[in-house]
């Protein structure tokens, strides 16, 4: 008897568990439920919690209460100024009337297809009436609001509220973009060539001006140097003249030493001169007195040395004697002096 009672108890508990499983259901916070009886809507449950249904007669369909997204494929739209645009947009929507939603589209998959058609139609209608500049830059926000409003007018018929529509990208088609990029590249290359040409012209102008300034500075410096050199030569001549006036003998000795320095240089130069030539007067006598036989020589013609400035200096005895080295003394017997 006890064993039979235990078996019966377990059987009743199993039956009750199955009945509870078929009768009770839970509505989550993110869901809303529609109770159907033989396919016909009977009750809408929007609050979360534990609810019941009639087993085998009623069933429950759940719908999402959260904000859902719809991402459409890029579409080509012709603006009012006949410019083609590739528009990529997305929408955010919510199921606000589960009963109407179930009766119109039954599930989310069908709802997304319907919303995609609504979005495409609204994009073509609204953007087709606007210009390219309005879509891309000037009135983009206002146009998105118009698209949202037009979608809502149709989405309400299937129990959906479209919260927002946004345009992710509105650009020219690929072929047009490439043509525009090439045109922009050509334009930038032309501008770069113009800038380079202007820079080259400015460079040549600056270089020419610098060369002109260099020439002027060099000319001024050359003139100043010539003036200073002329003044120095004049001062040198004045000093020489004063020195000659004070001591003619010393001046003659100094000029003879200069003549020796210029004539007696290293090399293969040979001179035929008489030993008692006046050219060697300071070799024979430190006072410069000529030897006895020097009176037989013709007296050399003294020449005036001119400095680079053109001023004439006083004649010197040794200056004219250098040219005597190029001839043979008539009184000499052919002896050569190195």
Protein backbone atom coordinates (compact mmCIF):
# COMPACT_ATOMS: atom_id res chain seq x y z
CA UNK A 1 0.00 0.00 0.00
CA UNK A 2 2.76 2.46 0.86
CA UNK A 3 4.57 1.72 -2.38
CA UNK A 4 1.45 2.30 -4.44
CA UNK A 5 0.79 5.58 -2.62
CA UNK A 6 4.35 6.78 -3.35
CA UNK A 7 4.04 5.93 -7.02
CA UNK A 8 0.73 7.80 -7.27
CA UNK A 9 2.24 10.84 -5.57
CA UNK A 10 5.15 10.94 -7.97
CA UNK A 11 2.77 10.60 -10.92
CA UNK A 12 0.64 13.50 -9.72
CA UNK A 13 3.76 15.67 -9.23
CA UNK A 14 4.87 14.88 -12.80
CA UNK A 15 1.44 15.74 -14.18
CA UNK A 16 1.42 19.02 -12.29
CA UNK A 17 4.94 19.90 -13.54
CA UNK A 18 3.93 19.25 -17.14
CA UNK A 19 0.76 21.28 -16.68
CA UNK A 20 2.72 24.17 -15.17
CA UNK A 21 5.24 24.03 -18.02
CA UNK A 22 2.44 24.17 -20.59
CA UNK A 23 0.47 26.82 -18.71
CA UNK A 24 2.98 29.29 -17.26
CA UNK A 25 5.42 31.51 -19.20
CA UNK A 26 7.73 34.39 -18.33
CA UNK A 27 7.89 37.77 -20.10
CA UNK A 28 11.34 39.33 -19.87
CA UNK A 29 11.96 43.06 -19.49
CA UNK A 30 13.21 43.36 -23.07
CA UNK A 31 10.24 41.48 -24.52
CA UNK A 32 6.50 41.89 -25.02
CA UNK A 33 4.15 38.96 -25.57
CA UNK A 34 1.02 38.31 -27.62
CA UNK A 35 -1.20 35.41 -26.57
CA UNK A 36 -2.88 33.66 -29.51
CA UNK A 37 -5.80 31.28 -29.40
CA UNK A 38 -5.96 29.08 -32.45
CA UNK A 39 -3.95 31.74 -34.30
CA UNK A 40 -6.16 34.65 -33.24
CA UNK A 41 -4.80 37.35 -30.88
CA UNK A 42 -6.38 37.16 -27.46
CA UNK A 43 -4.20 39.15 -25.06
CA UNK A 44 -1.20 41.54 -25.20
CA UNK A 45 1.31 41.50 -22.36
CA UNK A 46 3.85 44.32 -22.16
CA UNK A 47 4.81 44.15 -18.47
CA UNK A 48 7.55 41.71 -17.43
CA UNK A 49 6.69 38.81 -15.09
CA UNK A 50 5.05 35.39 -14.82
CA UNK A 51 1.88 34.82 -16.87
CA UNK A 52 -0.36 31.90 -17.88
CA UNK A 53 -2.09 30.50 -20.92
CA UNK A 54 -4.40 27.65 -21.72
CA UNK A 55 -2.36 24.61 -22.66
CA UNK A 56 -2.78 23.19 -26.13
CA UNK A 57 -5.25 25.93 -27.01
CA UNK A 58 -3.25 29.11 -26.63
CA UNK A 59 0.34 29.89 -27.61
CA UNK A 60 2.59 32.92 -27.04
CA UNK A 61 4.55 35.04 -29.54
CA UNK A 62 7.31 37.28 -28.20
CA UNK A 63 8.44 40.61 -29.73
CA UNK A 64 11.44 42.75 -28.84
CA UNK A 65 10.79 46.02 -27.05
CA UNK A 66 14.33 47.33 -27.59
CA UNK A 67 15.57 49.73 -30.24
CA UNK A 68 16.41 47.76 -33.39
CA UNK A 69 18.64 48.69 -36.27
CA UNK A 70 18.26 48.55 -40.02
CA UNK A 71 21.35 48.88 -42.22
CA UNK A 72 20.52 49.23 -45.91
CA UNK A 73 22.82 48.57 -48.85
CA UNK A 74 24.37 51.60 -50.67
CA UNK A 75 22.00 53.05 -53.25
CA UNK A 76 22.58 55.30 -56.25
CA UNK A 77 20.40 58.42 -56.18
CA UNK A 78 20.12 61.21 -58.77
CA UNK A 79 19.97 64.68 -57.17
CA UNK A 80 17.89 67.55 -58.50
CA UNK A 81 20.92 68.96 -60.38
CA UNK A 82 21.30 65.59 -62.19
CA UNK A 83 24.38 64.56 -60.23
CA UNK A 84 24.60 60.93 -59.23
CA UNK A 85 25.17 60.06 -55.58
CA UNK A 86 25.93 56.81 -53.81
CA UNK A 87 24.08 57.00 -50.47
CA UNK A 88 24.64 54.64 -47.56
CA UNK A 89 22.09 55.08 -44.75
CA UNK A 90 20.80 53.26 -41.66
CA UNK A 91 17.71 53.51 -39.46
CA UNK A 92 16.72 52.84 -35.86
CA UNK A 93 13.20 51.48 -35.20
CA UNK A 94 11.00 49.98 -32.47
CA UNK A 95 7.87 47.78 -32.38
CA UNK A 96 5.19 49.94 -30.77
CA UNK A 97 2.05 47.97 -31.64
CA UNK A 98 2.73 44.21 -31.39
CA UNK A 99 -0.80 43.25 -32.46
CA UNK A 100 -0.70 45.35 -35.61
CA UNK A 101 2.89 44.24 -36.21
CA UNK A 102 1.83 40.57 -35.99
CA UNK A 103 -1.15 41.09 -38.27
CA UNK A 104 0.87 43.06 -40.87
CA UNK A 105 4.29 41.39 -41.08
CA UNK A 106 4.15 38.58 -38.49
CA UNK A 107 7.92 38.58 -37.71
CA UNK A 108 11.05 40.73 -37.68
CA UNK A 109 12.47 39.31 -40.92
CA UNK A 110 9.46 40.45 -42.94
CA UNK A 111 9.47 43.75 -41.06
CA UNK A 112 13.07 44.45 -42.08
CA UNK A 113 12.27 43.81 -45.72
CA UNK A 114 9.35 46.24 -45.54
CA UNK A 115 11.43 48.90 -43.78
CA UNK A 116 14.23 48.53 -46.36
CA UNK A 117 11.71 49.28 -49.11
CA UNK A 118 10.38 52.26 -47.15
CA UNK A 119 13.89 53.59 -46.58
CA UNK A 120 14.91 53.23 -50.23
CA UNK A 121 11.76 54.99 -51.43
CA UNK A 122 12.17 57.83 -48.93
CA UNK A 123 15.83 58.31 -49.86
CA UNK A 124 15.06 58.54 -53.57
CA UNK A 125 12.12 60.88 -53.06
CA UNK A 126 13.73 63.30 -50.57
CA UNK A 127 17.28 63.35 -51.94
CA UNK A 128 16.03 63.47 -55.53
CA UNK A 129 14.39 66.81 -54.76
CA UNK A 130 17.56 68.29 -53.23
CA UNK A 131 20.77 69.52 -54.84
CA UNK A 132 24.16 67.87 -54.54
CA UNK A 133 25.48 70.61 -52.24
CA UNK A 134 22.41 70.34 -49.99
CA UNK A 135 22.87 66.60 -49.55
CA UNK A 136 26.60 66.70 -48.97
CA UNK A 137 26.98 69.90 -46.98
CA UNK A 138 24.19 72.44 -46.55
CA UNK A 139 20.92 70.68 -45.56
CA UNK A 140 21.95 67.19 -44.58
CA UNK A 141 20.35 67.24 -41.12
CA UNK A 142 17.02 68.59 -42.42
CA UNK A 143 16.96 65.98 -45.19
CA UNK A 144 17.51 63.14 -42.69
CA UNK A 145 14.58 64.42 -40.62
CA UNK A 146 12.36 64.44 -43.72
CA UNK A 147 13.35 60.87 -44.54
CA UNK A 148 12.54 59.81 -40.97
CA UNK A 149 9.14 61.49 -41.14
CA UNK A 150 8.25 59.87 -44.47
CA UNK A 151 9.29 56.43 -43.22
CA UNK A 152 7.17 56.86 -40.10
CA UNK A 153 4.09 57.64 -42.15
CA UNK A 154 4.30 54.17 -43.71
CA UNK A 155 5.86 52.28 -40.78
CA UNK A 156 2.93 53.16 -38.49
CA UNK A 157 0.70 51.00 -40.70
CA UNK A 158 2.69 47.92 -39.62
CA UNK A 159 3.02 48.85 -35.91
CA UNK A 160 6.58 50.26 -36.10
CA UNK A 161 7.96 53.62 -35.07
CA UNK A 162 11.12 54.79 -36.91
CA UNK A 163 13.17 56.68 -34.33
CA UNK A 164 15.96 58.02 -36.52
CA UNK A 165 17.52 57.81 -39.97
CA UNK A 166 21.16 58.72 -40.60
CA UNK A 167 23.19 59.00 -43.80
CA UNK A 168 26.58 57.40 -43.24
CA UNK A 169 28.03 58.35 -46.61
CA UNK A 170 26.90 60.38 -49.60
CA UNK A 171 29.51 60.41 -52.32
CA UNK A 172 29.91 60.39 -56.07
CA UNK A 173 30.08 57.06 -57.92
CA UNK A 174 33.51 55.46 -58.29
CA UNK A 175 33.92 56.45 -61.94
CA UNK A 176 32.99 60.07 -61.24
CA UNK A 177 35.27 60.18 -58.21
CA UNK A 178 38.23 58.95 -60.24
CA UNK A 179 37.57 61.58 -62.94
CA UNK A 180 37.32 64.31 -60.29
CA UNK A 181 40.49 63.11 -58.59
CA UNK A 182 42.36 63.17 -61.91
CA UNK A 183 41.06 66.66 -62.65
CA UNK A 184 42.08 67.82 -59.17
CA UNK A 185 45.51 66.24 -59.63
CA UNK A 186 45.97 68.00 -62.99
CA UNK A 187 44.89 71.30 -61.45
CA UNK A 188 47.31 70.91 -58.54
CA UNK A 189 50.14 70.02 -60.93
CA UNK A 190 49.39 73.14 -62.97
CA UNK A 191 49.39 75.29 -59.84
CA UNK A 192 52.65 73.68 -58.71
CA UNK A 193 54.23 74.42 -62.12
CA UNK A 194 53.10 78.05 -61.90
CA UNK A 195 54.51 78.39 -58.39
CA UNK A 196 57.81 76.84 -59.50
CA UNK A 197 57.96 79.21 -62.48
CA UNK A 198 57.29 82.21 -60.25
CA UNK A 199 59.95 81.00 -57.83
CA UNK A 200 62.45 80.54 -60.66
CA UNK A 201 61.69 84.03 -61.95
CA UNK A 202 62.14 85.49 -58.48
CA UNK A 203 65.38 83.52 -58.11
CA UNK A 204 66.75 84.89 -61.39
CA UNK A 205 65.69 88.40 -60.43
CA UNK A 206 67.35 88.16 -57.03
CA UNK A 207 70.47 86.60 -58.56
CA UNK A 208 70.70 89.34 -61.20
CA UNK A 209 70.28 92.04 -58.58
CA UNK A 210 72.95 90.40 -56.42
CA UNK A 211 75.34 90.17 -59.39
CA UNK A 212 74.70 93.83 -60.18
CA UNK A 213 75.41 94.79 -56.59
CA UNK A 214 78.58 92.67 -56.64
CA UNK A 215 79.73 94.43 -59.83
CA UNK A 216 79.01 97.84 -58.34
CA UNK A 217 80.80 96.97 -55.11
CA UNK A 218 83.80 95.59 -57.00
CA UNK A 219 83.93 98.68 -59.22
CA UNK A 220 83.73 100.97 -56.22
CA UNK A 221 86.40 98.94 -54.43
CA UNK A 222 88.65 98.93 -57.52
CA UNK A 223 88.27 102.69 -57.90
CA UNK A 224 89.00 103.23 -54.24
CA UNK A 225 92.03 100.92 -54.40
CA UNK A 226 93.38 102.75 -57.46
CA UNK A 227 92.89 106.05 -55.70
CA UNK A 228 94.69 104.77 -52.59
CA UNK A 229 97.45 103.24 -54.75
CA UNK A 230 97.88 106.52 -56.65
CA UNK A 231 98.06 108.42 -53.40
CA UNK A 232 100.64 105.92 -52.11
CA UNK A 233 102.72 106.21 -55.27
CA UNK A 234 102.58 110.00 -55.04
CA UNK A 235 103.71 109.82 -51.45
CA UNK A 236 106.49 107.40 -52.45
CA UNK A 237 107.69 109.76 -55.17
CA UNK A 238 107.58 112.64 -52.74
CA UNK A 239 109.68 110.68 -50.24
CA UNK A 240 112.15 109.71 -53.01
CA UNK A 241 112.41 113.30 -54.17
CA UNK A 242 113.01 114.52 -50.63
CA UNK A 243 115.64 111.80 -50.11
CA UNK A 244 117.40 112.68 -53.39
CA UNK A 245 117.44 116.30 -52.47
CA UNK A 246 118.94 115.63 -49.05
CA UNK A 247 121.63 113.12 -50.10
CA UNK A 248 122.14 112.58 -53.86
CA UNK A 249 125.11 110.24 -53.30
CA UNK A 250 123.12 107.87 -51.09
CA UNK A 251 120.24 107.94 -53.55
CA UNK A 252 122.61 107.07 -56.40
CA UNK A 253 123.99 104.21 -54.32
CA UNK A 254 120.47 102.95 -53.54
CA UNK A 255 119.47 103.01 -57.19
CA UNK A 256 122.66 101.21 -58.20
CA UNK A 257 121.90 98.49 -55.69
CA UNK A 258 118.47 98.10 -57.27
CA UNK A 259 120.12 97.85 -60.67
CA UNK A 260 122.49 95.16 -59.39
CA UNK A 261 119.55 93.22 -57.97
CA UNK A 262 117.68 93.36 -61.26
CA UNK A 263 120.67 92.55 -63.49
CA UNK A 264 122.66 90.02 -61.49
CA UNK A 265 120.08 87.23 -61.09
CA UNK A 266 120.70 83.50 -61.09
CA UNK A 267 120.55 81.86 -64.47
CA UNK A 268 122.57 81.59 -67.68
CA UNK A 269 122.73 85.34 -68.36
CA UNK A 270 126.20 86.53 -69.54
CA UNK A 271 127.36 90.15 -69.84
CA UNK A 272 130.48 91.46 -71.63
CA UNK A 273 131.64 94.48 -69.67
CA UNK A 274 134.93 96.19 -69.03
CA UNK A 275 136.17 95.73 -65.45
CA UNK A 276 136.51 99.47 -65.07
CA UNK A 277 132.99 100.07 -66.42
CA UNK A 278 130.97 102.65 -64.62
CA UNK A 279 128.38 99.91 -63.94
CA UNK A 280 130.83 98.43 -61.42
CA UNK A 281 131.80 101.71 -59.83
CA UNK A 282 130.57 100.59 -56.41
CA UNK A 283 132.43 97.30 -56.75
CA UNK A 284 135.77 99.14 -57.23
CA UNK A 285 135.15 101.93 -54.76
CA UNK A 286 132.53 102.16 -52.04
CA UNK A 287 132.33 105.90 -52.68
CA UNK A 288 131.44 105.27 -56.32
CA UNK A 289 134.51 106.96 -57.87
CA UNK A 290 135.31 105.75 -61.42
CA UNK A 291 138.69 104.22 -62.35
CA UNK A 292 141.27 105.81 -64.57
CA UNK A 293 140.28 104.01 -67.73
CA UNK A 294 136.65 104.78 -67.27
CA UNK A 295 137.16 108.17 -68.81
CA UNK A 296 137.65 106.47 -72.18
CA UNK A 297 134.09 105.07 -72.09
CA UNK A 298 131.28 107.05 -73.55
CA UNK A 299 129.19 108.55 -70.85
CA UNK A 300 125.94 106.61 -70.59
CA UNK A 301 122.69 108.33 -71.03
CA UNK A 302 120.77 108.49 -67.82
CA UNK A 303 117.11 107.51 -67.98
CA UNK A 304 114.30 108.52 -65.76
CA UNK A 305 112.39 105.82 -63.98
CA UNK A 306 108.76 106.34 -63.84
CA UNK A 307 106.61 104.84 -61.19
CA UNK A 308 103.23 103.31 -62.01
CA UNK A 309 101.46 106.58 -61.27
CA UNK A 310 103.38 108.37 -64.05
CA UNK A 311 105.48 110.60 -61.81
CA UNK A 312 109.14 110.92 -62.84
CA UNK A 313 111.82 110.13 -60.27
CA UNK A 314 115.29 111.68 -60.01
CA UNK A 315 117.94 110.11 -62.24
CA UNK A 316 120.33 107.66 -60.66
CA UNK A 317 123.80 106.85 -61.80
CA UNK A 318 123.36 103.07 -61.49
CA UNK A 319 120.03 103.05 -63.34
CA UNK A 320 121.47 103.90 -66.72
CA UNK A 321 124.47 101.59 -66.32
CA UNK A 322 122.36 98.40 -66.58
CA UNK A 323 121.92 98.83 -70.30
CA UNK A 324 125.75 99.08 -70.65
CA UNK A 325 125.89 95.38 -69.90
CA UNK A 326 124.31 94.51 -73.22
CA UNK A 327 127.21 95.95 -75.32
CA UNK A 328 130.94 95.28 -75.46
CA UNK A 329 133.14 98.01 -74.16
CA UNK A 330 135.36 99.35 -77.08
CA UNK A 331 138.31 99.58 -74.75
CA UNK A 332 138.06 96.07 -73.47
CA UNK A 333 140.15 93.28 -74.93
CA UNK A 334 137.21 90.84 -75.10
CA UNK A 335 137.28 89.75 -71.46
CA UNK A 336 133.91 88.65 -70.25
CA UNK A 337 132.47 89.19 -66.84
CA UNK A 338 129.86 86.83 -65.57
